């Protein structure tokens, strides 16, 4: 297929040339009813492009197959047999992928660092989520991927498993050995689903890590908006034939996708696919060069460490455009430093936690932003050394991520929907969680409904909360109490 084509963009251009006198949705009718302030801020052409797919982008029966052709071209671009663009983010894509391989009561193996999206689907769909441990780097206090040995043990312990979900690359840009993991899954006749939200561009640049589909993954989910340039919520599901029923995947997609998907998001996905298929090497080589220069400049700042190739676990690769910075040498919290950078320099990083900052570079990252980050961190270094930064000290006792474990003691759905009570976090040990606690980013659940809350969870949550963590969607927005299963009687 011709990767120069962009069917969605072409259809929008045709619609702009010959507008429709419409009497259906959307009610703003290509911007006619949009408040002036919104139109001035967002642009009139955005609303002109905000049409629905039938009787807008295409005819009543979608007879021109505009969206279908865009999917087919994208599938070829990623060397896949199936593609669907998704406008509900990779959360929706992951729900779709899981629905295609497992149903209520089925067991699915999840890497311990999967996003809350996977755990939420398991909860809603009644899946039995069996956790596969991930490598934890004790020197960096970050989670990496799954080793083949860990997966083999999990497959032996759960021979009934219907699929395995791995996160590769991680939020920090570290991949797993997808080829080895896929071989283990395929030997058992089950698919490997790769949550590759941060790796959508890998297929288009040789200097980036290997794309998971080229290494045996059966389904890959990409957040095209995260790094490749699509509008927010733009995601894609790609799949290969063999271990996945593509017809069932298609049906699952239709089950979860809205009947009124955002055409601007869809068009941005189409445009980004074309740009990467034609110019991916050039686009990303310049990003990699900029990231390498940033790494060198940050490593020269006293007290900072920058994660690099020498820190990788065996049989993994590093996306060099994810720049992980250890700030614990400054004895300040990464959360507080993140806020300080925004307040004093208008610099915002992709992730902060108690010990780290993560800078994510992409084709849209200008040189001036990189210079601003370096300048801001140099200023922070000087002010921290002089005692004038105003930053609070890092808590003296900060538990590490490898102290946490997952022990399920209650049916997750019964825990979520059954009788519950609220207890102070300090008194939560020994209780069963009745809500999901997923500090964000990266949005990895540390507690899920039905899980035993252990003293290590309490210590970790309190220390990170006090250091500035943000618990995503807790019942108590003050982060002082946890929802737990009510005591009998």
Protein backbone atom coordinates (compact mmCIF):
# COMPACT_ATOMS: atom_id res chain seq x y z
CA UNK A 1 0.00 0.00 0.00
CA UNK A 2 1.05 3.57 -0.59
CA UNK A 3 2.21 5.07 2.71
CA UNK A 4 1.96 8.53 1.12
CA UNK A 5 -1.81 8.23 1.38
CA UNK A 6 -3.78 9.63 4.32
CA UNK A 7 -7.45 8.75 3.67
CA UNK A 8 -8.80 10.57 6.70
CA UNK A 9 -7.00 13.80 5.91
CA UNK A 10 -8.09 13.60 2.27
CA UNK A 11 -11.72 13.11 3.32
CA UNK A 12 -11.56 16.15 5.60
CA UNK A 13 -10.08 18.27 2.80
CA UNK A 14 -12.93 17.19 0.52
CA UNK A 15 -15.47 18.07 3.22
CA UNK A 16 -13.90 21.50 3.65
CA UNK A 17 -14.23 22.14 -0.08
CA UNK A 18 -17.86 20.99 -0.16
CA UNK A 19 -19.48 21.50 3.28
CA UNK A 20 -22.62 19.56 4.16
CA UNK A 21 -25.93 21.19 5.14
CA UNK A 22 -26.38 18.86 8.08
CA UNK A 23 -29.34 18.15 10.35
CA UNK A 24 -27.71 15.60 12.63
CA UNK A 25 -24.83 15.39 15.10
CA UNK A 26 -22.68 17.08 16.23
CA UNK A 27 -24.96 19.87 17.31
CA UNK A 28 -22.43 22.65 16.83
CA UNK A 29 -22.63 22.00 13.02
CA UNK A 30 -18.98 22.49 12.12
CA UNK A 31 -18.54 25.31 14.59
CA UNK A 32 -21.69 27.31 14.02
CA UNK A 33 -22.85 27.01 17.64
CA UNK A 34 -19.48 27.15 19.37
CA UNK A 35 -18.95 30.03 21.85
CA UNK A 36 -16.76 32.72 20.31
CA UNK A 37 -14.10 32.45 23.01
CA UNK A 38 -13.71 28.71 22.46
CA UNK A 39 -13.53 29.16 18.68
CA UNK A 40 -10.95 31.93 19.01
CA UNK A 41 -8.82 29.86 21.37
CA UNK A 42 -9.04 26.49 19.62
CA UNK A 43 -9.48 27.59 16.02
CA UNK A 44 -12.48 27.45 13.70
CA UNK A 45 -11.00 24.68 11.54
CA UNK A 46 -10.88 22.29 14.49
CA UNK A 47 -14.64 22.52 14.83
CA UNK A 48 -15.12 22.29 11.07
CA UNK A 49 -13.27 18.97 11.23
CA UNK A 50 -15.32 17.73 14.18
CA UNK A 51 -17.79 15.64 12.21
CA UNK A 52 -18.98 12.07 12.60
CA UNK A 53 -17.68 9.25 10.43
CA UNK A 54 -20.92 8.34 8.59
CA UNK A 55 -22.70 11.22 6.84
CA UNK A 56 -19.69 13.43 7.45
CA UNK A 57 -16.29 11.91 6.89
CA UNK A 58 -17.89 9.21 4.73
CA UNK A 59 -21.35 8.50 3.33
CA UNK A 60 -24.29 7.00 5.22
CA UNK A 61 -23.05 3.41 4.89
CA UNK A 62 -19.34 4.32 5.04
CA UNK A 63 -19.20 3.08 1.47
CA UNK A 64 -15.99 4.91 0.64
CA UNK A 65 -14.24 2.90 3.36
CA UNK A 66 -12.25 5.93 4.47
CA UNK A 67 -11.53 4.69 8.00
CA UNK A 68 -11.10 1.10 6.85
CA UNK A 69 -8.44 2.11 4.32
CA UNK A 70 -6.62 4.14 6.97
CA UNK A 71 -6.55 1.06 9.19
CA UNK A 72 -5.20 -1.16 6.42
CA UNK A 73 -2.42 1.28 5.53
CA UNK A 74 -1.46 1.59 9.21
CA UNK A 75 -1.38 -2.18 9.64
CA UNK A 76 1.14 -2.42 6.83
CA UNK A 77 3.21 0.41 8.30
CA UNK A 78 3.61 -1.52 11.57
CA UNK A 79 4.08 -4.86 9.74
CA UNK A 80 0.87 -6.18 11.28
CA UNK A 81 -2.21 -8.00 9.99
CA UNK A 82 -4.76 -5.92 11.89
CA UNK A 83 -5.03 -2.30 13.01
CA UNK A 84 -7.69 -0.20 14.64
CA UNK A 85 -7.38 3.45 15.63
CA UNK A 86 -8.79 4.19 19.08
CA UNK A 87 -9.99 7.53 20.41
CA UNK A 88 -10.28 6.54 24.07
CA UNK A 89 -6.56 6.24 24.76
CA UNK A 90 -4.60 3.07 25.34
CA UNK A 91 -6.85 2.32 28.32
CA UNK A 92 -9.61 1.55 25.82
CA UNK A 93 -7.16 -0.31 23.58
CA UNK A 94 -6.03 -2.53 26.44
CA UNK A 95 -9.62 -3.26 27.46
CA UNK A 96 -10.28 -4.28 23.85
CA UNK A 97 -7.22 -6.52 23.65
CA UNK A 98 -8.08 -8.30 26.88
CA UNK A 99 -11.70 -8.82 25.85
CA UNK A 100 -10.43 -10.50 22.69
CA UNK A 101 -8.49 -13.19 24.56
CA UNK A 102 -10.29 -13.87 27.87
CA UNK A 103 -13.73 -13.86 29.45
CA UNK A 104 -15.22 -13.98 32.95
CA UNK A 105 -13.42 -16.48 35.16
CA UNK A 106 -10.43 -16.86 32.83
CA UNK A 107 -6.90 -16.40 34.13
CA UNK A 108 -4.62 -13.83 32.52
CA UNK A 109 -1.01 -13.31 33.55
CA UNK A 110 -0.14 -9.66 34.22
CA UNK A 111 3.32 -8.21 34.72
CA UNK A 112 3.44 -6.65 38.18
CA UNK A 113 3.92 -3.17 36.71
CA UNK A 114 0.91 -3.09 34.38
CA UNK A 115 -1.09 0.14 34.31
CA UNK A 116 -4.34 0.54 36.19
CA UNK A 117 -6.11 0.06 32.82
CA UNK A 118 -5.36 -3.66 32.76
CA UNK A 119 -6.30 -4.18 36.39
CA UNK A 120 -9.51 -2.20 35.91
CA UNK A 121 -10.58 -4.40 32.99
CA UNK A 122 -9.81 -7.55 34.95
CA UNK A 123 -11.96 -6.24 37.76
CA UNK A 124 -14.86 -5.22 35.52
CA UNK A 125 -14.78 -8.35 33.37
CA UNK A 126 -14.27 -10.85 36.17
CA UNK A 127 -10.84 -12.03 35.05
CA UNK A 128 -8.49 -13.82 37.41
CA UNK A 129 -5.38 -11.62 37.31
CA UNK A 130 -2.28 -13.64 38.18
CA UNK A 131 0.75 -11.43 38.83
CA UNK A 132 4.15 -12.11 37.27
CA UNK A 133 6.98 -10.43 39.20
CA UNK A 134 9.17 -7.88 37.42
CA UNK A 135 12.82 -7.05 37.87
CA UNK A 136 13.39 -4.27 40.38
CA UNK A 137 16.67 -2.37 40.16
CA UNK A 138 17.89 -1.88 43.76
CA UNK A 139 20.35 0.84 42.73
CA UNK A 140 17.69 2.91 40.97
CA UNK A 141 14.53 1.83 42.81
CA UNK A 142 12.62 1.38 39.54
CA UNK A 143 10.74 -1.52 38.02
CA UNK A 144 11.92 -3.04 34.74
CA UNK A 145 10.44 -5.86 32.70
CA UNK A 146 9.73 -9.56 33.11
CA UNK A 147 12.47 -12.17 32.74
CA UNK A 148 11.83 -15.39 30.80
CA UNK A 149 12.49 -17.35 34.00
CA UNK A 150 9.79 -15.44 35.89
CA UNK A 151 7.28 -15.99 33.08
CA UNK A 152 8.13 -19.69 32.84
CA UNK A 153 7.45 -20.09 36.56
CA UNK A 154 4.14 -18.24 36.21
CA UNK A 155 3.07 -20.36 33.26
CA UNK A 156 3.85 -23.52 35.25
CA UNK A 157 1.86 -22.20 38.20
CA UNK A 158 -1.08 -21.18 36.00
CA UNK A 159 -1.34 -23.64 33.09
CA UNK A 160 -4.92 -22.46 32.48
CA UNK A 161 -3.80 -18.90 31.63
CA UNK A 162 -5.31 -17.48 28.45
CA UNK A 163 -2.72 -14.75 27.78
CA UNK A 164 0.21 -12.80 29.19
CA UNK A 165 0.42 -9.00 29.33
CA UNK A 166 3.83 -7.33 29.58
CA UNK A 167 4.78 -3.64 29.68
CA UNK A 168 7.57 -3.03 27.19
CA UNK A 169 8.99 -0.47 27.08
CA UNK A 170 8.38 0.62 30.64
CA UNK A 171 7.65 4.25 31.44
CA UNK A 172 11.43 4.58 31.86
CA UNK A 173 12.15 3.30 28.34
CA UNK A 174 13.44 -0.19 29.21
CA UNK A 175 12.27 -3.17 27.16
CA UNK A 176 11.85 -6.84 28.02
CA UNK A 177 13.19 -9.73 25.94
CA UNK A 178 9.99 -9.96 23.89
CA UNK A 179 11.27 -12.73 21.61
CA UNK A 180 11.99 -15.05 24.55
CA UNK A 181 8.72 -14.20 26.30
CA UNK A 182 6.74 -14.76 23.09
CA UNK A 183 8.39 -18.16 22.57
CA UNK A 184 7.32 -19.23 26.07
CA UNK A 185 3.74 -18.07 25.49
CA UNK A 186 3.47 -19.67 22.07
CA UNK A 187 4.80 -22.98 23.38
CA UNK A 188 1.72 -22.99 25.62
CA UNK A 189 -0.56 -21.86 22.78
CA UNK A 190 -1.38 -18.46 24.30
CA UNK A 191 -0.82 -14.92 22.99
CA UNK A 192 1.56 -12.28 24.27
CA UNK A 193 -0.04 -8.84 24.62
CA UNK A 194 2.46 -6.00 24.79
CA UNK A 195 1.48 -2.76 26.47
CA UNK A 196 3.86 -0.71 24.33
CA UNK A 197 2.18 2.61 25.05
CA UNK A 198 5.53 4.42 25.03
CA UNK A 199 7.02 2.51 22.08
CA UNK A 200 4.82 3.32 19.10
CA UNK A 201 7.69 4.83 17.12
CA UNK A 202 10.04 1.85 17.48
CA UNK A 203 8.92 0.41 14.14
CA UNK A 204 10.07 3.51 12.28
CA UNK A 205 13.64 4.11 13.46
CA UNK A 206 16.50 1.60 13.58
CA UNK A 207 18.20 3.51 16.42
CA UNK A 208 15.23 2.87 18.72
CA UNK A 209 14.58 -0.52 20.37
CA UNK A 210 12.95 -3.34 18.42
CA UNK A 211 9.21 -3.08 17.83
CA UNK A 212 7.47 -5.83 19.84
CA UNK A 213 5.48 -7.09 16.84
CA UNK A 214 8.72 -7.87 15.01
CA UNK A 215 9.86 -9.96 17.99
CA UNK A 216 6.82 -12.19 18.33
CA UNK A 217 4.23 -10.16 20.25
CA UNK A 218 0.72 -11.03 19.08
CA UNK A 219 -0.98 -7.76 20.06
CA UNK A 220 0.71 -4.41 20.65
CA UNK A 221 -1.01 -1.33 22.02
CA UNK A 222 0.55 2.03 21.23
CA UNK A 223 -0.28 5.45 22.70
CA UNK A 224 0.36 7.41 19.52
CA UNK A 225 -0.34 10.66 21.37
CA UNK A 226 2.36 10.10 24.01
CA UNK A 227 5.40 10.53 21.79
CA UNK A 228 4.47 10.40 18.09
CA UNK A 229 2.38 13.57 17.81
CA UNK A 230 -1.28 12.53 17.59
CA UNK A 231 -3.95 14.35 19.56
CA UNK A 232 -4.43 13.28 23.17
CA UNK A 233 -6.34 9.98 23.49
CA UNK A 234 -5.08 8.81 20.10
CA UNK A 235 -4.10 5.14 20.40
CA UNK A 236 -3.78 2.12 18.11
CA UNK A 237 -4.22 -1.63 18.43
CA UNK A 238 -2.01 -3.72 16.15
CA UNK A 239 -2.11 -7.52 15.91
CA UNK A 240 -0.66 -10.48 14.01
CA UNK A 241 -2.38 -13.65 12.94
CA UNK A 242 -1.61 -16.96 14.62
CA UNK A 243 -2.40 -16.90 18.32
CA UNK A 244 -5.16 -14.28 18.32
CA UNK A 245 -8.62 -14.63 16.81
CA UNK A 246 -8.66 -11.42 14.76
CA UNK A 247 -12.40 -11.64 14.23
CA UNK A 248 -12.93 -11.69 17.99
CA UNK A 249 -10.50 -8.77 18.34
CA UNK A 250 -12.54 -6.87 15.77
CA UNK A 251 -15.76 -7.62 17.67
CA UNK A 252 -14.16 -6.52 20.94
CA UNK A 253 -13.12 -3.29 19.27
CA UNK A 254 -16.67 -2.64 18.11
CA UNK A 255 -17.88 -3.42 21.63
CA UNK A 256 -15.72 -0.75 23.27
CA UNK A 257 -15.33 1.91 20.56
CA UNK A 258 -17.84 4.74 20.59
CA UNK A 259 -20.15 5.02 17.59
CA UNK A 260 -19.13 8.70 17.42
CA UNK A 261 -15.33 8.66 17.49
CA UNK A 262 -13.51 11.99 17.38
CA UNK A 263 -12.59 12.59 13.75
CA UNK A 264 -9.86 15.14 14.64
CA UNK A 265 -8.18 12.46 16.76
CA UNK A 266 -8.58 9.86 14.01
CA UNK A 267 -7.18 12.25 11.41
CA UNK A 268 -4.19 13.03 13.62
CA UNK A 269 -3.47 9.30 13.92
CA UNK A 270 -3.60 8.94 10.14
CA UNK A 271 -1.28 11.93 9.66
CA UNK A 272 1.23 10.73 12.24
CA UNK A 273 1.31 7.26 10.70
CA UNK A 274 2.12 8.78 7.28
CA UNK A 275 4.85 11.03 8.68
CA UNK A 276 6.51 8.15 10.49
CA UNK A 277 6.23 5.70 7.62
CA UNK A 278 7.88 8.22 5.27
CA UNK A 279 10.25 10.11 7.56
CA UNK A 280 10.56 8.13 10.82
CA UNK A 281 14.33 7.71 10.66
CA UNK A 282 14.92 11.44 10.22
CA UNK A 283 12.30 12.44 12.78
CA UNK A 284 13.70 10.26 15.53
CA UNK A 285 17.42 10.47 14.84
CA UNK A 286 17.28 14.18 15.61
CA UNK A 287 15.37 13.44 18.84
CA UNK A 288 17.95 10.82 19.83
CA UNK A 289 20.82 13.24 19.14
CA UNK A 290 19.12 15.90 21.28
CA UNK A 291 18.52 13.38 24.08
CA UNK A 292 22.14 12.22 24.06
CA UNK A 293 23.33 15.81 24.36
CA UNK A 294 20.88 16.35 27.26
CA UNK A 295 22.18 13.25 29.01
CA UNK A 296 25.73 14.55 28.89
CA UNK A 297 24.77 17.96 30.22
CA UNK A 298 22.73 16.54 33.10
CA UNK A 299 25.40 14.02 34.06
CA UNK A 300 27.81 16.94 34.48
CA UNK A 301 25.61 18.54 37.16
CA UNK A 302 26.92 17.66 40.59
CA UNK A 303 24.66 15.28 42.51
CA UNK A 304 22.64 13.98 39.56
CA UNK A 305 22.74 10.49 38.05
CA UNK A 306 21.37 9.69 34.58
CA UNK A 307 20.18 6.18 33.70
CA UNK A 308 22.08 4.77 30.72
CA UNK A 309 23.01 1.67 28.77
CA UNK A 310 25.30 0.51 31.54
CA UNK A 311 22.37 0.30 33.95
CA UNK A 312 20.26 -2.03 31.80
CA UNK A 313 19.33 -5.54 32.88
CA UNK A 314 20.38 -8.41 30.63
CA UNK A 315 18.65 -8.87 27.26
CA UNK A 316 16.91 -5.51 27.35
CA UNK A 317 17.17 -2.31 25.34
CA UNK A 318 16.90 1.35 26.26
CA UNK A 319 14.92 4.01 24.48
CA UNK A 320 17.47 6.86 24.74
CA UNK A 321 14.75 9.51 24.43
CA UNK A 322 13.49 8.66 27.95
CA UNK A 323 15.94 10.43 30.25
CA UNK A 324 15.66 9.15 33.83
CA UNK A 325 17.37 11.37 36.42
CA UNK A 326 18.12 10.30 40.00
CA UNK A 327 17.90 13.41 42.20
CA UNK A 328 18.22 11.64 45.55
CA UNK A 329 21.83 12.84 45.79
CA UNK A 330 20.40 16.28 46.47
CA UNK A 331 18.39 14.81 49.40
CA UNK A 332 15.21 16.45 48.13
CA UNK A 333 12.03 14.81 46.92
CA UNK A 334 11.56 14.45 43.18
CA UNK A 335 7.91 15.45 43.66
CA UNK A 336 8.87 18.71 45.35
CA UNK A 337 11.61 19.39 42.81
CA UNK A 338 9.08 18.88 39.99
CA UNK A 339 6.83 21.54 41.53
CA UNK A 340 9.82 23.85 42.08
CA UNK A 341 10.84 23.58 38.42
CA UNK A 342 7.34 24.57 37.29
CA UNK A 343 7.09 27.43 39.76
CA UNK A 344 10.50 28.95 39.14
CA UNK A 345 11.26 28.02 35.52
CA UNK A 346 7.98 26.89 33.93
CA UNK A 347 9.62 23.53 33.23
CA UNK A 348 7.45 20.41 33.56
CA UNK A 349 8.89 16.89 33.40
CA UNK A 350 7.05 13.76 32.31
CA UNK A 351 7.24 11.99 35.66
CA UNK A 352 8.41 12.61 39.17
CA UNK A 353 8.59 10.32 42.16
CA UNK A 354 10.35 10.39 45.49
CA UNK A 355 13.79 9.85 43.98
CA UNK A 356 13.52 10.64 40.27
CA UNK A 357 12.56 12.93 37.44
CA UNK A 358 11.88 11.62 33.94
CA UNK A 359 12.23 13.81 30.85
CA UNK A 360 10.54 12.41 27.73
CA UNK A 361 11.79 13.78 24.43
CA UNK A 362 9.80 13.49 21.19
CA UNK A 363 9.77 15.05 17.71
CA UNK A 364 7.78 17.93 19.15
CA UNK A 365 10.40 18.76 21.81
CA UNK A 366 12.16 21.98 20.77
CA UNK A 367 15.79 22.75 21.57
CA UNK A 368 14.70 25.71 23.70
CA UNK A 369 12.81 23.37 26.05
CA UNK A 370 15.89 21.18 26.48
CA UNK A 371 17.97 24.26 27.25
CA UNK A 372 15.35 25.40 29.76
CA UNK A 373 15.48 22.03 31.57
CA UNK A 374 19.28 22.12 31.83
CA UNK A 375 19.24 25.72 33.01
CA UNK A 376 16.55 24.97 35.61
CA UNK A 377 18.39 21.98 37.05
CA UNK A 378 21.67 23.89 37.18
CA UNK A 379 19.86 26.62 39.08
CA UNK A 380 18.36 24.03 41.43
CA UNK A 381 21.79 22.54 42.05
CA UNK A 382 23.21 25.94 42.99
CA UNK A 383 20.32 26.90 45.24
CA UNK A 384 20.22 23.52 46.99
CA UNK A 385 23.97 23.74 47.63
CA UNK A 386 23.51 27.27 48.99
CA UNK A 387 20.50 26.30 51.10
CA UNK A 388 18.26 28.86 49.36
CA UNK A 389 15.96 26.60 47.32
CA UNK A 390 13.27 26.30 49.98
CA UNK A 391 12.84 22.63 49.04
CA UNK A 392 11.94 20.28 51.90
CA UNK A 393 14.38 17.48 52.66
CA UNK A 394 13.72 13.96 51.42
CA UNK A 395 12.12 11.84 54.18
CA UNK A 396 14.82 10.00 56.11
CA UNK A 397 12.92 6.71 55.85
CA UNK A 398 11.73 6.03 52.32
CA UNK A 399 10.76 2.40 51.61
CA UNK A 400 11.77 0.99 48.25
CA UNK A 401 9.47 -0.48 45.65
CA UNK A 402 10.79 -4.01 46.15
CA UNK A 403 9.25 -4.07 49.65
CA UNK A 404 5.78 -4.32 48.08
CA UNK A 405 4.08 -7.57 47.21
CA UNK A 406 0.62 -8.65 46.03
CA UNK A 407 -1.40 -11.07 48.16
CA UNK A 408 -5.06 -11.45 47.17
CA UNK A 409 -7.38 -12.42 50.04
CA UNK A 410 -10.84 -11.57 48.69
CA UNK A 411 -12.79 -11.68 45.44
CA UNK A 412 -11.96 -8.33 43.76
CA UNK A 413 -15.53 -7.56 42.61
CA UNK A 414 -16.97 -8.46 46.01
CA UNK A 415 -14.39 -6.23 47.65
CA UNK A 416 -15.19 -3.30 45.36
CA UNK A 417 -18.97 -3.55 45.37
CA UNK A 418 -19.61 -5.08 48.78
CA UNK A 419 -19.81 -3.50 52.24
CA UNK A 420 -16.86 -1.21 52.93
CA UNK A 421 -15.56 1.19 55.52
CA UNK A 422 -12.94 3.92 55.68
CA UNK A 423 -9.85 3.65 57.89
CA UNK A 424 -6.79 5.87 58.37
CA UNK A 425 -3.88 4.74 56.21
CA UNK A 426 -1.83 4.32 59.38
CA UNK A 427 -4.33 1.72 60.64
CA UNK A 428 -4.90 -0.08 57.32
CA UNK A 429 -2.45 -2.99 57.73
CA UNK A 430 -4.29 -6.29 57.91
CA UNK A 431 -7.38 -4.95 56.13
CA UNK A 432 -8.49 -5.88 52.60
CA UNK A 433 -8.42 -3.07 50.05
CA UNK A 434 -11.76 -2.04 48.56
CA UNK A 435 -10.40 0.56 46.12
CA UNK A 436 -7.52 0.94 43.70
CA UNK A 437 -4.54 3.09 44.67
CA UNK A 438 -2.32 3.89 41.70
CA UNK A 439 0.11 6.79 42.24
CA UNK A 440 0.39 8.68 38.98
CA UNK A 441 2.36 8.76 36.91
CA UNK A 442 3.10 5.97 36.09
CA UNK A 443 -0.34 4.78 37.23
CA UNK A 444 0.79 1.35 38.44
CA UNK A 445 -1.62 0.08 41.12
CA UNK A 446 -0.05 -0.49 44.51
CA UNK A 447 -3.34 -1.69 45.96
CA UNK A 448 -6.33 -3.24 44.17
CA UNK A 449 -9.70 -4.39 45.53
CA UNK A 450 -9.35 -7.74 47.28
CA UNK A 451 -5.65 -7.28 48.09
CA UNK A 452 -4.25 -7.70 51.59
CA UNK A 453 -2.85 -4.39 52.85
CA UNK A 454 0.46 -5.24 54.47
CA UNK A 455 2.61 -3.07 56.77
CA UNK A 456 4.98 -2.49 53.84
CA UNK A 457 2.15 -0.93 51.81
CA UNK A 458 1.26 1.37 54.68
CA UNK A 459 4.86 2.48 55.13
CA UNK A 460 5.38 3.03 51.40
CA UNK A 461 2.13 4.95 50.90
CA UNK A 462 2.68 7.21 53.91
CA UNK A 463 6.28 8.00 52.99
CA UNK A 464 5.43 8.77 49.36
CA UNK A 465 2.34 10.75 50.29
CA UNK A 466 4.38 12.87 52.67
CA UNK A 467 7.04 13.31 49.99
CA UNK A 468 4.40 14.63 47.56
CA UNK A 469 2.93 11.65 45.69
CA UNK A 470 -0.44 11.93 43.95
CA UNK A 471 -2.66 8.88 44.44
CA UNK A 472 -4.81 8.61 41.32
CA UNK A 473 -8.56 8.65 42.11
CA UNK A 474 -8.60 7.69 45.79
CA UNK A 475 -11.93 7.80 47.62
CA UNK A 476 -10.33 10.27 50.04
CA UNK A 477 -8.84 13.14 48.00
CA UNK A 478 -6.81 14.18 51.06
CA UNK A 479 -4.96 10.84 50.87
CA UNK A 480 -5.43 10.19 54.57
CA UNK A 481 -7.86 7.26 54.56
CA UNK A 482 -8.30 4.05 52.62
CA UNK A 483 -11.51 2.28 51.62
CA UNK A 484 -11.38 -1.30 52.94
CA UNK A 485 -13.69 -4.29 53.13
CA UNK A 486 -15.99 -3.86 56.11
CA UNK A 487 -15.41 -6.11 59.09
CA UNK A 488 -18.03 -8.87 59.48
CA UNK A 489 -20.98 -8.03 61.69
